[in-house]
Structure formats: structure tokens, C-alpha cells
Amino acid sequence: MTQHLIILPVVLPLLTGLLLLTSRVGGTRLKRLAGVGSTLALVIVAALLLARAAGGEVAYYALGDWQPPFGIVMVLDRLSALLVLVTAVLALGCVIFACAGDDEKGSNFHGLFQLQLMGINGAFLTGDLFNLFVFFEVLLLASYALLLHGGGKARIQAAVHYVVLNLAGSALFLIAVGTLYGATGTLNMADMAVRLAELPEERAGLVTAGALMLLVVFGLKAAVLPLYFWLPRAYAAAPAPVAALFAIMTKVGIYAILRVYSLVFGEQAGPLADLDQPWIWWLSLATLAVATLGVLASRDLRLMVAYLVLVSVGTLLVGVGMGTVAATSALLYYLVHTTLVTGGLFLLAEMIGQQRGKAGTRIVKGKPLLQGGPLALCFLGGAIAVAGLPPLSGAIGKALLLDAATPAQQPWLWPLLLASGLGAMIALSRAGSTLFWRSHAGERVGEPLPREQWAGTGLLLAAAPLLVALAGPISDYTRAAAEQLAEPDAIVRALLSDAGETP
């Protein structure tokens, strides 16, 4: 049974999703049990995969027993195992929150939610560029429907921009994949890495064009400047549990950059090595600066959290642009923190908006809230964490990134990263004082919030103190994952040794 664990993060949500979408038997309660149960099982599977990958073994699962480089393979290493677990934990908080009633505002929520998980997990596990494209399409198709869940003018407008841009990105992705296949004769990433080392000089330009097209596609998925303009309105308009799940979507693009440009275009690629580095560093700094201005300019809590996601994108890509093991280790720690905390803030914003009534999530004065005390404490904890203030996990992640910068990088990174934290602190302080402190006159408003919402939000926001308590073992793991990522030969040997193609 253990040999099939690698495929379970894809098969489990696929079967659950298809069952929920095709079955007309059972009511809302049964669908909720199936959705929560399947997601909880996914957390357990992901934890087992993490334990297996922690030893450093690179394992793969060949579908239909077609061995690489010819068949479809799912690859498990420290990086993919970590991201599958983060996805599962985030999804569990989201689906629990949705069971308070968000899942009833439209049709097929739980089935689409599971298909979204299938696409995300498949993207993290696949070892093949074409199947990376396939899983991107699966997660995007599910996200289109989830974004429109419940309807409304704002969601339809945001969805149009989201769909059009992602369809353009998908077309470019397919062209890039075709270009690379034509030049190398393979789409298996490990096999492509081997062939690039022996690539004829006349094909180098074609491969460079394909690699740069891929960088544009992954940049669109990650929402890097100037390809991020679709994200704030789309995330702000999405239903709260969907927006929270979308917190992992930008990380899929960042993961793809890390995986493809370390494995395929690493040092063994010769003159094609590190094609992404001249672009990523400067674009990440620009993204960080512009996103910070967006946070300061936001007049709606949902929109502010969406811009905080963009701040995290810039911060993570700074780590990619530094291109060292220490920086990759730091960005992986920060990735776990920011994904779960920003997901929790999306859920918390919905809870605050529900209690405020007509004022919603707009950052304006209103009447005091019925459960203002607990909501204010949750907001304070989330704000401290996402702004990167001690003693919570955001401070540790940013400190690791600052420490990883070289003397040449420090004059650019240190002031910008610290200024982004200051900007977030100012914006969140203004929002918190308006929502909770200045809104003190009059009778308390709102109904008691459902326990499912408290449970889902608490699960995600609890990541901030938990990541501090476990900072030692988690940073050790991310360091080991970064070292493994920096040595792509291990994946090449693991996948191609049976086929006798390793050099």
C-alpha cells in the first residue's frame, strides 16, 4: 500500500470530486461529511508523505508501470511533500469554514473544491512538463467555477479578467511546451535536464525562447509585476473559503519556477543555466514595492489581504532571485507561514464583514460588533504575523531572508523588505483601529458566528505561533529541501537509473 501513497493526493480528491459532482443522492450534510472527511484524509496522507521524504529519498510513481522518461510519473521529494502538506492543511481550514453556509450559496461547491485540490497536488507532484500543463488546466477550470460560486456582479467582472488572462497564459504554456519538445525530444523534466547538457548549439536559441515563455507563464501564475493586476480584484471578490484556498495558487507558480529552473536549467545546462535569474531578482523587488503601496491604499479589508498576498509573492521571489541554498530555505519557511496566515485572514475578513452588516469589509466606522473582542484578538494576531513582527512566524521568515542576502544584495533587499513590513503594519493598524476601536458607539450589531467559521479560521491562524514553536525542526527540513533542490542529479538518477539513461 505504501508504494501507492504518492498518487493518493491526486486520486483521493479526484474520486471524491467526481462522486460529489455526479451523485444526486444525499443532502448538504452528506456532502459536507464527504468533503471534510476527504480533506482530513488528505492531511494524513500528506503527513505520511512528508515523513517518507524527510529521509532524503527521491521516489516516483509510474502510472501504468510505464517507466520514465516515457510514462507519466509523480515525483516525491522534500519540496513537493512540504507543499502538498501545506495545501492539505489550508484546504482543511477552508472546507470547515465553508460548512457554515458558504457551500450552500451555489451548486457543487464541495465537488469543485476537491477537483481544485487534485489540480494543485498534481502540479506539485508531477515530473513532466506536459502534465504540469494538464494539472494547471484542471486547477484553473475548478477555480473559474469556484470564483463565481454564489454569483454577483463583482465576481462576474473579476472572473472575466481572471479567465481571459489565464486562457492566454495556458495558450503560451502550450506553445512553450511544444517548443521545448521540438528542441529536446522529451517532456520529462529529468530527461530534459540530461539532454540539455548535450544540446547541439543550433538548438540553444529555440530552447531559450521556450524557457523564457515558460517564465512568463509561471510569472502570470505567481502574479509577479507586471502580470499581477488580475489578482487583487479576483481574490477580493471570491467567496471567503475560495479566496483562502487561492492563497496557495500563487505558490504553484513560484514552485514551478523553483522546480523547472533548478532541475532543467540548472548548472548542467551550460550556457542555458540560470535563465531566470536576471529577471526574477529585479521583478521581485518591483512586485514587493508596488504591492506595499497597494496595501497602504486599500480601503477594503478583503482587498488589503489580497495585496498582502502580493507582498508575500514579492518576498518569496526575492528568495528565488538570490539563488542560494540559504535563501531557498528561508523562502520555504516563509511560504508555509504566509500561505496559512493570509488564508486565515481571508476567512477572518469574512467573519468581520458578516458581523458589521451593511458596512461589510469596508474600512469605515460602524457600530460595535457583538463578538468584537474575540475578532479583534484574532485580527491582532494575524496582523502581527503577516506584517512580520516578533514574536510570530513572519518575523522569523523575514529574518532568515535578510540573513541570506549577500553584501551586494543587502542594499536593495534590506530597506525594501523592512519598508514593506512597516507599510503593512501601518495599514493593518489603521484598519484595526477603524474596525474595532473607533467603532464603539451605539448598540452592538451582528449575530453569533457559527463554530465552523471559528474552527476553520483558528486552524489557519494558529500556524503563526506553531511555526515559532517548531521553528527548529521546520527550518532544518526547509534547509534540507533547499539542499536537495540545489542538487538536481539526485532526481535525475532516481528517475532514469532504471532506464539506463543517467550519465
Protein backbone atom coordinates (compact mmCIF):
# COMPACT_ATOMS: atom_id res chain seq x y z
CA MET A 1 0.00 0.00 0.00
CA THR A 2 2.83 2.40 0.80
CA GLN A 3 4.04 2.44 -2.80
CA HIS A 4 0.68 3.96 -3.81
CA LEU A 5 0.86 6.84 -1.31
CA ILE A 6 2.47 9.16 -3.86
CA ILE A 7 -0.53 9.04 -6.19
CA LEU A 8 -3.15 9.38 -3.42
CA PRO A 9 -3.04 13.22 -3.19
CA VAL A 10 -4.25 13.22 -6.80
CA VAL A 11 -6.57 10.19 -6.81
CA LEU A 12 -8.31 10.86 -3.47
CA PRO A 13 -9.69 14.33 -4.31
CA LEU A 14 -10.38 13.20 -7.89
CA LEU A 15 -12.62 10.33 -6.79
CA THR A 16 -14.30 12.40 -4.09
CA GLY A 17 -14.91 15.26 -6.51
CA LEU A 18 -16.36 13.04 -9.22
CA LEU A 19 -18.58 11.29 -6.68
CA LEU A 20 -19.90 14.60 -5.35
CA LEU A 21 -20.45 16.06 -8.82
CA THR A 22 -22.23 13.04 -10.30
CA SER A 23 -24.21 11.75 -7.31
CA ARG A 24 -27.69 13.17 -6.73
CA VAL A 25 -28.15 11.13 -3.54
CA GLY A 26 -27.77 12.75 -0.15
CA GLY A 27 -28.20 16.29 1.07
CA THR A 28 -25.92 19.05 2.22
CA ARG A 29 -24.88 17.23 5.39
CA LEU A 30 -23.64 14.18 3.48
CA LYS A 31 -21.69 16.36 1.03
CA ARG A 32 -20.09 18.22 3.91
CA LEU A 33 -19.08 14.98 5.59
CA ALA A 34 -17.58 13.72 2.34
CA GLY A 35 -15.72 17.00 1.69
CA VAL A 36 -14.32 17.36 5.21
CA GLY A 37 -13.57 13.64 5.51
CA SER A 38 -11.70 13.52 2.21
CA THR A 39 -9.69 16.64 3.06
CA LEU A 40 -8.82 15.28 6.51
CA ALA A 41 -7.68 12.04 4.88
CA LEU A 42 -5.56 14.14 2.53
CA VAL A 43 -3.86 15.79 5.52
CA ILE A 44 -2.99 12.34 6.90
CA VAL A 45 -1.65 11.13 3.54
CA ALA A 46 0.38 14.33 3.12
CA ALA A 47 1.88 13.92 6.61
CA LEU A 48 2.91 10.34 5.77
CA LEU A 49 4.49 11.53 2.52
CA LEU A 50 6.39 14.24 4.40
CA ALA A 51 7.72 11.65 6.83
CA ARG A 52 8.82 9.49 3.90
CA ALA A 53 10.50 12.35 2.06
CA ALA A 54 12.25 13.65 5.19
CA GLY A 55 14.91 10.95 4.88
CA GLY A 56 16.10 12.42 1.60
CA GLU A 57 14.89 9.65 -0.71
CA VAL A 58 13.54 10.75 -4.09
CA ALA A 59 10.70 8.40 -5.00
CA TYR A 60 8.44 8.25 -8.02
CA TYR A 61 5.23 6.57 -9.06
CA ALA A 62 4.95 5.44 -12.68
CA LEU A 63 1.32 5.32 -13.82
CA GLY A 64 0.55 2.11 -15.73
CA ASP A 65 4.10 0.97 -14.88
CA TRP A 66 5.40 2.94 -17.87
CA GLN A 67 8.86 3.83 -16.68
CA PRO A 68 10.36 7.30 -17.18
CA PRO A 69 11.08 9.06 -19.45
CA PHE A 70 8.22 7.53 -21.45
CA GLY A 71 5.40 7.34 -18.92
CA ILE A 72 3.55 9.70 -16.59
CA VAL A 73 5.38 9.97 -13.28
CA MET A 74 4.62 11.53 -9.93
CA VAL A 75 7.80 12.54 -8.11
CA LEU A 76 8.14 12.87 -4.34
CA ASP A 77 10.96 14.79 -2.73
CA ARG A 78 11.19 17.10 0.27
CA LEU A 79 9.88 20.14 -1.62
CA SER A 80 6.82 18.51 -3.17
CA ALA A 81 5.94 16.74 0.10
CA LEU A 82 6.08 20.03 2.03
CA LEU A 83 3.81 21.85 -0.41
CA VAL A 84 1.27 19.03 -0.57
CA LEU A 85 1.01 19.12 3.23
CA VAL A 86 0.62 22.93 3.29
CA THR A 87 -2.12 22.63 0.66
CA ALA A 88 -3.94 19.95 2.65
CA VAL A 89 -3.87 21.93 5.91
CA LEU A 90 -5.02 25.10 4.16
CA ALA A 91 -7.82 23.19 2.42
CA LEU A 92 -8.99 21.65 5.70
CA GLY A 93 -9.42 25.08 7.28
CA CYS A 94 -11.23 26.35 4.19
CA VAL A 95 -13.66 23.45 3.86
CA ILE A 96 -14.52 23.53 7.57
CA PHE A 97 -15.24 27.25 7.28
CA ALA A 98 -17.39 26.68 4.17
CA CYS A 99 -19.58 24.23 6.07
CA ALA A 100 -21.03 27.20 8.00
CA GLY A 101 -23.11 28.04 4.92
CA ASP A 102 -20.87 29.32 2.14
CA ASP A 103 -21.11 25.95 0.41
CA GLU A 104 -24.90 26.40 0.01
CA LYS A 105 -24.71 29.73 -1.85
CA GLY A 106 -24.17 27.93 -5.16
CA SER A 107 -24.07 24.43 -6.58
CA ASN A 108 -21.37 21.76 -6.48
CA PHE A 109 -19.04 23.60 -4.11
CA HIS A 110 -17.51 20.52 -2.49
CA GLY A 111 -17.04 18.63 -5.75
CA LEU A 112 -15.29 21.58 -7.39
CA PHE A 113 -13.23 22.17 -4.26
CA GLN A 114 -11.88 18.62 -4.44
CA LEU A 115 -11.04 18.94 -8.13
CA GLN A 116 -9.15 22.13 -7.30
CA LEU A 117 -7.12 20.16 -4.76
CA MET A 118 -6.44 17.46 -7.35
CA GLY A 119 -5.00 20.03 -9.76
CA ILE A 120 -2.86 21.75 -7.13
CA ASN A 121 -1.44 18.48 -5.75
CA GLY A 122 -0.81 17.14 -9.25
CA ALA A 123 1.14 20.29 -10.15
CA PHE A 124 3.34 19.83 -7.07
CA LEU A 125 3.99 16.13 -7.73
CA THR A 126 4.31 15.78 -11.49
CA GLY A 127 7.69 15.16 -13.08
CA ASP A 128 6.59 16.01 -16.62
CA LEU A 129 6.15 19.43 -18.24
CA PHE A 130 3.08 18.48 -20.26
CA ASN A 131 1.36 17.04 -17.22
CA LEU A 132 2.26 20.21 -15.35
CA PHE A 133 0.24 21.98 -18.05
CA VAL A 134 -2.61 19.47 -17.62
CA PHE A 135 -2.77 19.95 -13.86
CA PHE A 136 -2.60 23.71 -14.29
CA GLU A 137 -5.68 23.45 -16.50
CA VAL A 138 -7.53 21.25 -14.00
CA LEU A 139 -6.95 23.64 -11.12
CA LEU A 140 -7.84 26.63 -13.31
CA LEU A 141 -11.08 25.10 -14.55
CA ALA A 142 -12.16 24.38 -10.99
CA SER A 143 -11.08 27.86 -9.88
CA TYR A 144 -13.19 29.51 -12.59
CA ALA A 145 -16.34 27.89 -11.21
CA LEU A 146 -15.37 28.45 -7.56
CA LEU A 147 -14.68 32.13 -8.20
CA LEU A 148 -18.24 32.51 -9.50
CA HIS A 149 -19.75 30.49 -6.63
CA GLY A 150 -22.74 32.44 -5.33
CA GLY A 151 -22.82 34.86 -8.29
CA GLY A 152 -22.85 38.64 -8.16
CA LYS A 153 -21.70 41.48 -10.40
CA ALA A 154 -18.28 41.91 -8.76
CA ARG A 155 -17.47 38.23 -9.08
CA ILE A 156 -18.51 38.08 -12.71
CA GLN A 157 -16.37 41.12 -13.58
CA ALA A 158 -13.36 39.71 -11.72
CA ALA A 159 -13.90 36.28 -13.27
CA VAL A 160 -13.87 37.67 -16.82
CA HIS A 161 -10.41 39.20 -16.32
CA TYR A 162 -9.19 36.11 -14.48
CA VAL A 163 -10.39 33.69 -17.17
CA VAL A 164 -9.15 35.72 -20.16
CA LEU A 165 -5.65 36.21 -18.73
CA ASN A 166 -5.32 32.59 -17.69
CA LEU A 167 -6.52 31.34 -21.06
CA ALA A 168 -3.84 33.47 -22.70
CA GLY A 169 -1.31 32.05 -20.23
CA SER A 170 -2.44 28.50 -21.00
CA ALA A 171 -2.01 29.06 -24.73
CA LEU A 172 1.51 30.43 -24.16
CA PHE A 173 2.27 27.48 -21.86
CA LEU A 174 1.30 25.02 -24.59
CA ILE A 175 3.44 26.86 -27.17
CA ALA A 176 6.41 26.80 -24.77
CA VAL A 177 5.98 23.09 -24.08
CA GLY A 178 5.77 22.36 -27.80
CA THR A 179 8.89 24.43 -28.46
CA LEU A 180 10.89 22.60 -25.81
CA TYR A 181 9.66 19.22 -27.01
CA GLY A 182 10.64 20.05 -30.57
CA ALA A 183 14.13 21.06 -29.46
CA THR A 184 14.84 18.28 -26.96
CA GLY A 185 12.55 15.41 -27.94
CA THR A 186 11.25 14.91 -24.39
CA LEU A 187 8.95 16.48 -21.81
CA ASN A 188 10.09 14.53 -18.77
CA MET A 189 11.93 17.16 -16.73
CA ALA A 190 14.72 14.85 -15.57
CA ASP A 191 15.28 13.54 -19.10
CA MET A 192 15.22 17.09 -20.48
CA ALA A 193 17.93 18.06 -17.98
CA VAL A 194 20.15 15.26 -19.32
CA ARG A 195 19.52 16.18 -22.95
CA LEU A 196 20.20 19.87 -22.44
CA ALA A 197 23.71 19.00 -21.29
CA GLU A 198 24.32 17.57 -24.79
CA LEU A 199 22.19 20.03 -26.76
CA PRO A 200 23.51 20.99 -30.22
CA GLU A 201 24.46 24.66 -30.38
CA GLU A 202 21.99 25.40 -33.19
CA ARG A 203 19.05 24.50 -30.92
CA ALA A 204 20.09 26.69 -28.00
CA GLY A 205 18.09 29.68 -29.24
CA LEU A 206 14.92 27.61 -29.55
CA VAL A 207 15.29 26.25 -26.02
CA THR A 208 15.98 29.74 -24.68
CA ALA A 209 12.78 31.01 -26.29
CA GLY A 210 10.78 28.14 -24.77
CA ALA A 211 12.33 28.67 -21.34
CA LEU A 212 11.56 32.39 -21.34
CA MET A 213 7.97 31.75 -22.45
CA LEU A 214 7.64 29.37 -19.51
CA LEU A 215 8.96 32.09 -17.21
CA VAL A 216 6.20 34.42 -18.43
CA VAL A 217 3.58 31.73 -17.79
CA PHE A 218 4.87 30.94 -14.32
CA GLY A 219 5.16 34.67 -13.60
CA LEU A 220 1.48 35.07 -14.51
CA LYS A 221 0.53 32.22 -12.17
CA ALA A 222 2.70 33.64 -9.40
CA ALA A 223 1.30 37.18 -10.03
CA VAL A 224 4.64 38.94 -10.41
CA LEU A 225 4.79 42.52 -11.68
CA PRO A 226 3.62 43.42 -14.34
CA LEU A 227 1.42 40.30 -14.53
CA TYR A 228 -0.34 40.67 -11.18
CA PHE A 229 -3.19 43.10 -11.98
CA TRP A 230 -5.80 40.34 -12.18
CA LEU A 231 -5.20 39.13 -8.63
CA PRO A 232 -6.40 41.79 -6.13
CA ARG A 233 -9.94 42.18 -7.50
CA ALA A 234 -10.36 38.45 -8.18
CA TYR A 235 -9.28 37.41 -4.68
CA ALA A 236 -11.27 40.21 -3.04
CA ALA A 237 -14.43 39.22 -4.94
CA ALA A 238 -14.16 35.45 -4.39
CA PRO A 239 -16.12 33.69 -1.62
CA ALA A 240 -14.05 33.65 1.57
CA PRO A 241 -13.12 29.92 1.62
CA VAL A 242 -12.26 30.09 -2.09
CA ALA A 243 -10.10 33.20 -1.65
CA ALA A 244 -8.33 31.48 1.26
CA LEU A 245 -7.63 28.40 -0.88
CA PHE A 246 -6.39 30.70 -3.64
CA ALA A 247 -3.58 31.71 -1.25
CA ILE A 248 -1.76 28.58 -2.44
CA MET A 249 -2.35 29.33 -6.15
CA THR A 250 0.43 31.90 -6.48
CA LYS A 251 2.74 29.42 -4.73
CA VAL A 252 2.11 26.95 -7.58
CA GLY A 253 3.74 29.44 -9.95
CA ILE A 254 6.64 30.02 -7.55
CA TYR A 255 7.06 26.26 -7.14
CA ALA A 256 7.13 25.81 -10.92
CA ILE A 257 9.92 28.41 -11.21
CA LEU A 258 11.91 26.70 -8.46
CA ARG A 259 11.42 23.23 -9.88
CA VAL A 260 11.88 23.82 -13.60
CA TYR A 261 14.77 26.28 -13.44
CA SER A 262 16.72 24.27 -10.86
CA LEU A 263 16.16 20.84 -12.42
CA VAL A 264 16.03 21.55 -16.16
CA PHE A 265 18.03 24.79 -16.40
CA GLY A 266 20.48 24.20 -13.58
CA GLU A 267 24.27 24.20 -13.75
CA GLN A 268 24.33 21.16 -16.05
CA ALA A 269 22.58 23.20 -18.77
CA GLY A 270 25.80 25.08 -19.56
CA PRO A 271 25.11 28.39 -21.33
CA LEU A 272 21.38 27.88 -20.72
CA ALA A 273 21.83 27.70 -16.93
CA ASP A 274 20.00 30.12 -14.63
CA LEU A 275 17.96 31.78 -17.37
CA ASP A 276 15.51 33.09 -14.79
CA GLN A 277 18.00 34.84 -12.51
CA PRO A 278 18.46 38.13 -14.42
CA TRP A 279 14.68 38.64 -14.41
CA ILE A 280 13.45 37.27 -11.10
CA TRP A 281 15.53 39.43 -8.75
CA TRP A 282 14.50 42.82 -10.13
CA LEU A 283 10.88 41.86 -10.84
CA SER A 284 10.50 40.53 -7.30
CA LEU A 285 11.77 43.78 -5.79
CA ALA A 286 9.39 45.76 -8.01
CA THR A 287 6.48 43.49 -7.05
CA LEU A 288 7.28 43.96 -3.36
CA ALA A 289 7.35 47.75 -3.70
CA VAL A 290 4.14 48.10 -5.75
CA ALA A 291 2.23 45.58 -3.60
CA THR A 292 3.17 47.53 -0.46
CA LEU A 293 1.65 50.66 -2.00
CA GLY A 294 -1.47 48.61 -2.75
CA VAL A 295 -1.73 47.56 0.89
CA LEU A 296 -1.46 51.18 2.04
CA ALA A 297 -4.06 52.36 -0.49
CA SER A 298 -6.64 49.66 0.27
CA ARG A 299 -9.94 50.80 1.70
CA ASP A 300 -11.44 47.34 1.98
CA LEU A 301 -10.20 44.56 4.24
CA ARG A 302 -10.54 41.84 1.59
CA LEU A 303 -8.58 43.92 -0.92
CA MET A 304 -5.91 44.62 1.66
CA VAL A 305 -5.40 40.90 2.31
CA ALA A 306 -5.22 40.32 -1.46
CA TYR A 307 -2.40 42.87 -1.69
CA LEU A 308 -0.73 41.20 1.29
CA VAL A 309 -0.69 38.03 -0.82
CA LEU A 310 1.16 40.04 -3.48
CA VAL A 311 3.61 41.27 -0.85
CA SER A 312 4.30 37.64 0.01
CA VAL A 313 4.80 36.86 -3.70
CA GLY A 314 7.44 39.56 -3.97
CA THR A 315 9.10 38.37 -0.76
CA LEU A 316 9.20 34.74 -1.90
CA LEU A 317 10.52 35.60 -5.36
CA VAL A 318 13.27 37.67 -3.75
CA GLY A 319 14.45 34.40 -2.23
CA VAL A 320 14.30 32.73 -5.64
CA GLY A 321 16.24 35.61 -7.17
CA MET A 322 19.02 35.36 -4.57
CA GLY A 323 19.66 31.84 -5.86
CA THR A 324 21.39 30.35 -2.80
CA VAL A 325 20.59 27.40 -0.57
CA ALA A 326 20.15 29.68 2.45
CA ALA A 327 17.71 31.92 0.56
CA THR A 328 15.69 28.96 -0.73
CA SER A 329 15.50 27.53 2.78
CA ALA A 330 14.28 30.90 4.11
CA LEU A 331 11.66 31.33 1.39
CA LEU A 332 10.28 27.83 2.04
CA TYR A 333 9.82 28.62 5.73
CA TYR A 334 8.20 31.93 4.82
CA LEU A 335 6.00 30.19 2.23
CA VAL A 336 4.45 27.92 4.86
CA HIS A 337 3.83 30.92 7.12
CA THR A 338 2.34 33.30 4.56
CA THR A 339 0.11 30.73 2.85
CA LEU A 340 -1.64 29.68 6.05
CA VAL A 341 -1.78 33.12 7.68
CA THR A 342 -3.12 35.01 4.63
CA GLY A 343 -5.64 32.20 4.12
CA GLY A 344 -6.77 32.69 7.70
CA LEU A 345 -7.02 36.46 7.20
CA PHE A 346 -9.36 35.99 4.23
CA LEU A 347 -11.63 33.90 6.45
CA LEU A 348 -11.38 36.38 9.31
CA ALA A 349 -12.28 39.27 6.99
CA GLU A 350 -15.47 37.43 6.04
CA MET A 351 -16.38 36.94 9.71
CA ILE A 352 -15.82 40.63 10.45
CA GLY A 353 -17.88 41.62 7.41
CA GLN A 354 -20.76 39.38 8.46
CA GLN A 355 -21.00 40.99 11.87
CA ARG A 356 -20.73 44.55 10.53
CA GLY A 357 -23.79 44.21 8.29
CA LYS A 358 -24.06 46.88 5.58
CA ALA A 359 -20.60 48.25 6.30
CA GLY A 360 -19.17 44.84 5.38
CA THR A 361 -15.40 44.71 4.99
CA ARG A 362 -15.03 48.39 4.05
CA ILE A 363 -12.58 50.13 6.36
CA VAL A 364 -15.03 52.70 7.70
CA LYS A 365 -16.50 53.38 11.11
CA GLY A 366 -19.51 51.31 12.11
CA LYS A 367 -21.32 50.06 15.17
CA PRO A 368 -19.55 47.86 17.74
CA LEU A 369 -19.62 44.15 16.97
CA LEU A 370 -21.37 41.51 19.03
CA GLN A 371 -18.21 39.39 19.16
CA GLY A 372 -15.80 42.27 18.72
CA GLY A 373 -13.39 41.13 21.44
CA PRO A 374 -12.53 37.68 20.02
CA LEU A 375 -12.49 39.03 16.46
CA ALA A 376 -10.14 41.86 17.48
CA LEU A 377 -7.76 39.40 19.17
CA CYS A 378 -7.70 37.19 16.06
CA PHE A 379 -7.10 40.25 13.88
CA LEU A 380 -4.27 41.42 16.14
CA GLY A 381 -2.55 38.03 15.96
CA GLY A 382 -2.97 37.78 12.19
CA ALA A 383 -1.75 41.36 11.68
CA ILE A 384 1.38 40.80 13.78
CA ALA A 385 2.14 37.60 11.89
CA VAL A 386 1.56 38.89 8.36
CA ALA A 387 3.45 42.15 8.96
CA GLY A 388 6.47 40.16 10.12
CA LEU A 389 6.63 41.44 13.71
CA PRO A 390 8.05 39.43 16.63
CA PRO A 391 7.29 37.08 18.23
CA LEU A 392 5.32 35.29 15.48
CA SER A 393 6.50 33.34 12.45
CA GLY A 394 6.56 36.18 9.94
CA ALA A 395 9.48 37.77 11.81
CA ILE A 396 11.47 34.54 11.66
CA GLY A 397 10.84 34.09 7.93
CA LYS A 398 11.90 37.65 7.11
CA ALA A 399 14.94 37.45 9.40
CA LEU A 400 16.08 34.30 7.59
CA LEU A 401 15.69 36.03 4.22
CA LEU A 402 17.58 39.13 5.37
CA ASP A 403 20.36 36.95 6.76
CA ALA A 404 20.63 35.04 3.45
CA ALA A 405 21.31 38.19 1.41
CA THR A 406 24.83 38.72 0.12
CA PRO A 407 26.60 42.07 0.68
CA ALA A 408 25.74 43.08 -2.88
CA GLN A 409 22.04 42.25 -2.36
CA GLN A 410 21.63 43.80 1.09
CA PRO A 411 21.39 47.47 -0.03
CA TRP A 412 18.40 46.53 -2.22
CA LEU A 413 16.66 43.93 -0.07
CA TRP A 414 17.02 45.22 3.48
CA PRO A 415 15.35 48.64 3.11
CA LEU A 416 12.64 47.36 0.78
CA LEU A 417 11.68 44.31 2.85
CA LEU A 418 11.70 46.31 6.08
CA ALA A 419 9.69 49.10 4.45
CA SER A 420 7.09 46.59 3.25
CA GLY A 421 6.72 45.36 6.82
CA LEU A 422 6.33 48.93 8.04
CA GLY A 423 3.74 49.65 5.35
CA ALA A 424 1.76 46.52 6.29
CA MET A 425 1.92 47.47 9.96
CA ILE A 426 0.62 50.99 9.25
CA ALA A 427 -2.22 49.75 7.02
CA LEU A 428 -3.28 46.98 9.40
CA SER A 429 -3.10 49.31 12.42
CA ARG A 430 -5.34 51.80 10.62
CA ALA A 431 -7.78 49.05 9.65
CA GLY A 432 -7.88 47.52 13.12
CA SER A 433 -8.39 50.84 14.90
CA THR A 434 -11.21 51.78 12.49
CA LEU A 435 -12.97 48.42 12.69
CA PHE A 436 -12.68 47.82 16.43
CA TRP A 437 -11.58 50.91 18.34
CA ARG A 438 -13.30 53.80 16.55
CA SER A 439 -16.47 51.71 16.09
CA HIS A 440 -17.53 51.90 19.73
CA ALA A 441 -20.70 53.98 19.80
CA GLY A 442 -24.19 52.54 19.65
CA GLU A 443 -25.76 49.16 20.16
CA ARG A 444 -23.77 46.06 19.31
CA VAL A 445 -24.68 44.52 15.95
CA GLY A 446 -24.42 41.10 14.34
CA GLU A 447 -25.39 37.52 15.05
CA PRO A 448 -23.16 34.98 16.79
CA LEU A 449 -20.80 33.49 14.23
CA PRO A 450 -21.00 29.74 13.53
CA ARG A 451 -18.49 27.50 15.27
CA GLU A 452 -17.34 26.13 11.90
CA GLN A 453 -16.07 29.58 10.98
CA TRP A 454 -14.18 29.95 14.23
CA ALA A 455 -12.69 26.46 13.81
CA GLY A 456 -11.55 26.99 10.21
CA THR A 457 -10.09 30.43 10.86
CA GLY A 458 -8.45 29.37 14.12
CA LEU A 459 -6.82 26.37 12.44
CA LEU A 460 -5.06 28.57 9.89
CA LEU A 461 -4.13 31.48 12.18
CA ALA A 462 -2.74 29.01 14.74
CA ALA A 463 0.05 28.32 12.24
CA ALA A 464 1.81 31.56 13.28
CA PRO A 465 2.62 30.54 16.90
CA LEU A 466 3.01 26.88 15.92
CA LEU A 467 5.68 27.71 13.34
CA VAL A 468 7.56 29.58 16.07
CA ALA A 469 7.32 26.66 18.49
CA LEU A 470 8.57 24.26 15.80
CA ALA A 471 10.95 26.72 14.12
CA GLY A 472 13.97 24.46 14.70
CA PRO A 473 12.76 21.25 13.04
CA ILE A 474 10.87 23.13 10.31
CA SER A 475 13.90 25.24 9.35
CA ASP A 476 16.04 22.09 9.39
CA TYR A 477 13.60 20.48 6.98
CA THR A 478 13.46 23.52 4.68
CA ARG A 479 17.27 23.65 4.69
CA ALA A 480 17.42 20.00 3.65
CA ALA A 481 14.77 20.63 0.97
CA ALA A 482 16.79 23.56 -0.39
CA GLU A 483 19.96 21.46 -0.48
CA GLN A 484 18.12 18.69 -2.32
CA LEU A 485 16.72 21.20 -4.80
CA ALA A 486 20.24 22.51 -5.44
CA GLU A 487 21.39 19.00 -6.42
CA PRO A 488 19.14 18.00 -9.33
CA ASP A 489 21.32 14.99 -10.14
CA ALA A 490 19.59 13.10 -7.32
CA ILE A 491 16.21 13.39 -9.09
CA VAL A 492 17.78 12.54 -12.45
CA ARG A 493 19.38 9.39 -11.02
CA ALA A 494 16.24 8.35 -9.19
CA LEU A 495 14.02 8.64 -12.27
CA LEU A 496 16.33 7.50 -15.05
CA SER A 497 18.59 4.87 -13.46
CA ASP A 498 16.15 2.06 -14.34
CA ALA A 499 16.03 3.23 -17.93
CA GLY A 500 19.82 3.31 -18.14
CA GLU A 501 19.88 6.94 -19.26
CA THR A 502 21.82 8.55 -16.47
CA PRO A 503 25.16 9.92 -17.49
